[in-house]
Amino acid sequence: MKGQHKAINELLLFGIGALITLSLAGTVASFVTSLQKQAQTEQYYIMSNLVSMATTKAYLCGKSADCSITVEIPKKLSDARYTISLSKNYINVRNFRSDGGITRKLSNFEDILTNGLATSSAGYFVLHSTEDSVIISR
């Protein structure tokens, strides 16, 4: 009987240690996932600002002549591919696989016609501008 109580004691200590380790690992994993989602959203906002500035530049350039602007972009944001689309004065930056992403209004110009889609896999996109429209392409 003396040996059994030591074995049970060791098993209980091992079980409690494993439980503490697994709960800490779960807490850290959920914290990392939350931070990664927040960082991805911030990166999408930064990308939409880049697209907004490039669209404004292309639009102003297109007022005097047909204009094309090439903008380099990262192939991944937070280890995920993404798409950029322009449609009816809105900029959409979306995760390629999931439904996550953002939509922002292109508020600088109300009379500008925008459309097109670009994916991050190319590493760049091209804005073609005429007198009254801006088209995004890869």
Protein backbone atom coordinates (compact mmCIF):
# COMPACT_ATOMS: atom_id res chain seq x y z
CA MET A 1 0.00 0.00 0.00
CA LYS A 2 2.87 2.32 0.66
CA GLY A 3 4.04 2.26 -2.98
CA GLN A 4 0.56 2.84 -4.45
CA HIS A 5 0.02 6.16 -2.75
CA LYS A 6 3.33 7.49 -4.16
CA ALA A 7 2.37 6.40 -7.68
CA ILE A 8 -1.08 8.00 -7.39
CA ASN A 9 0.51 11.17 -6.01
CA GLU A 10 2.92 11.34 -8.97
CA LEU A 11 0.10 10.74 -11.48
CA LEU A 12 -1.98 13.51 -9.92
CA LEU A 13 0.96 15.93 -10.00
CA PHE A 14 1.63 15.06 -13.64
CA GLY A 15 -2.06 15.55 -14.52
CA ILE A 16 -2.22 18.93 -12.76
CA GLY A 17 0.99 20.03 -14.50
CA ALA A 18 -0.35 18.96 -17.90
CA LEU A 19 -3.64 20.77 -17.25
CA ILE A 20 -1.83 23.99 -16.32
CA THR A 21 0.41 23.71 -19.39
CA LEU A 22 -2.53 23.13 -21.76
CA SER A 23 -4.53 26.02 -20.31
CA LEU A 24 -1.56 28.38 -20.67
CA ALA A 25 -1.00 27.23 -24.25
CA GLY A 26 -4.68 27.82 -25.07
CA THR A 27 -4.60 31.29 -23.53
CA VAL A 28 -1.45 32.26 -25.45
CA ALA A 29 -2.88 30.86 -28.71
CA SER A 30 -6.10 32.87 -28.37
CA PHE A 31 -4.11 36.01 -27.53
CA VAL A 32 -1.87 35.54 -30.60
CA THR A 33 -4.89 34.96 -32.86
CA SER A 34 -6.54 38.13 -31.57
CA LEU A 35 -3.39 40.18 -32.17
CA GLN A 36 -2.96 38.70 -35.65
CA LYS A 37 -6.52 39.65 -36.64
CA GLN A 38 -6.04 43.18 -35.30
CA ALA A 39 -2.72 43.55 -37.17
CA GLN A 40 -4.32 42.27 -40.38
CA THR A 41 -7.15 44.81 -40.11
CA GLU A 42 -4.64 47.62 -39.56
CA GLN A 43 -2.63 46.47 -42.57
CA TYR A 44 -5.81 46.47 -44.69
CA TYR A 45 -6.47 50.08 -43.64
CA ILE A 46 -2.92 51.04 -44.59
CA MET A 47 -3.34 49.31 -47.97
CA SER A 48 -6.63 51.12 -48.57
CA ASN A 49 -4.88 54.44 -47.82
CA LEU A 50 -2.20 53.55 -50.38
CA VAL A 51 -4.85 52.74 -52.98
CA SER A 52 -6.72 55.96 -52.16
CA MET A 53 -3.59 58.08 -52.61
CA ALA A 54 -2.66 56.30 -55.85
CA THR A 55 -6.22 56.70 -57.17
CA THR A 56 -6.16 60.41 -56.36
CA LYS A 57 -2.81 60.80 -58.10
CA ALA A 58 -4.00 58.87 -61.16
CA TYR A 59 -7.22 60.88 -61.31
CA LEU A 60 -5.40 64.20 -61.17
CA CYS A 61 -2.88 62.98 -63.75
CA GLY A 62 -5.72 61.77 -65.98
CA LYS A 63 -7.35 65.21 -66.01
CA SER A 64 -4.72 66.41 -68.50
CA ALA A 65 -3.97 63.20 -70.43
CA ASP A 66 -4.40 59.44 -70.26
CA CYS A 67 -2.23 58.22 -67.42
CA SER A 68 -1.04 54.92 -65.92
CA ILE A 69 0.50 54.50 -62.49
CA THR A 70 2.13 51.28 -61.27
CA VAL A 71 2.14 50.70 -57.51
CA GLU A 72 4.15 47.95 -55.81
CA ILE A 73 2.37 46.09 -53.01
CA PRO A 74 3.34 43.25 -50.65
CA LYS A 75 2.32 39.77 -51.78
CA LYS A 76 0.88 38.97 -48.34
CA LEU A 77 -0.52 40.85 -45.37
CA SER A 78 -0.32 38.92 -42.09
CA ASP A 79 0.66 35.79 -44.02
CA ALA A 80 -2.49 35.91 -46.18
CA ARG A 81 -3.05 36.82 -49.82
CA TYR A 82 -5.59 39.55 -50.49
CA THR A 83 -7.51 41.33 -53.24
CA ILE A 84 -7.99 45.02 -53.94
CA SER A 85 -11.05 46.19 -55.83
CA LEU A 86 -12.45 49.55 -56.82
CA SER A 87 -16.17 49.87 -57.40
CA LYS A 88 -18.49 52.89 -57.34
CA ASN A 89 -16.14 55.09 -55.29
CA TYR A 90 -15.40 52.31 -52.79
CA ILE A 91 -12.10 50.59 -52.05
CA ASN A 92 -12.34 46.96 -50.94
CA VAL A 93 -9.35 45.15 -49.45
CA ARG A 94 -10.30 41.53 -48.73
CA ASN A 95 -8.60 38.38 -47.56
CA PHE A 96 -8.37 36.01 -50.52
CA ARG A 97 -9.59 32.92 -48.66
CA SER A 98 -11.76 34.18 -45.83
CA ASP A 99 -14.47 36.80 -45.80
CA GLY A 100 -12.39 39.22 -43.72
CA GLY A 101 -11.44 42.64 -44.99
CA ILE A 102 -12.51 46.26 -45.13
CA THR A 103 -14.52 48.57 -47.37
CA ARG A 104 -13.85 52.30 -47.42
CA LYS A 105 -15.38 55.14 -49.41
CA LEU A 106 -13.14 57.03 -51.80
CA SER A 107 -14.23 60.42 -50.50
CA ASN A 108 -11.91 62.74 -52.40
CA PHE A 109 -13.93 62.87 -55.62
CA GLU A 110 -17.63 62.25 -56.08
CA ASP A 111 -17.61 62.34 -59.89
CA ILE A 112 -14.87 59.74 -60.38
CA LEU A 113 -15.83 56.38 -61.87
CA THR A 114 -13.75 53.54 -60.47
CA ASN A 115 -13.72 49.82 -61.16
CA GLY A 116 -11.43 46.84 -61.40
CA LEU A 117 -9.78 44.12 -59.35
CA ALA A 118 -6.17 43.28 -58.50
CA THR A 119 -4.72 40.42 -56.48
CA SER A 120 -1.66 40.58 -54.28
CA SER A 121 0.05 37.63 -55.96
CA ALA A 122 1.45 39.89 -58.71
CA GLY A 123 3.17 42.20 -56.24
CA TYR A 124 1.85 45.32 -57.98
CA PHE A 125 -1.24 46.89 -59.53
CA VAL A 126 -1.70 49.43 -62.30
CA LEU A 127 -4.13 52.33 -62.27
CA HIS A 128 -5.24 53.52 -65.71
CA SER A 129 -6.84 56.95 -65.69
CA THR A 130 -8.80 58.87 -68.27
CA GLU A 131 -10.60 62.17 -67.89
CA ASP A 132 -13.47 60.76 -65.81
CA SER A 133 -12.50 57.25 -64.66
CA VAL A 134 -9.84 55.22 -62.91
CA ILE A 135 -9.47 51.49 -63.55
CA ILE A 136 -7.35 49.18 -61.43
CA SER A 137 -5.74 46.13 -63.02
CA ARG A 138 -2.90 43.76 -62.45
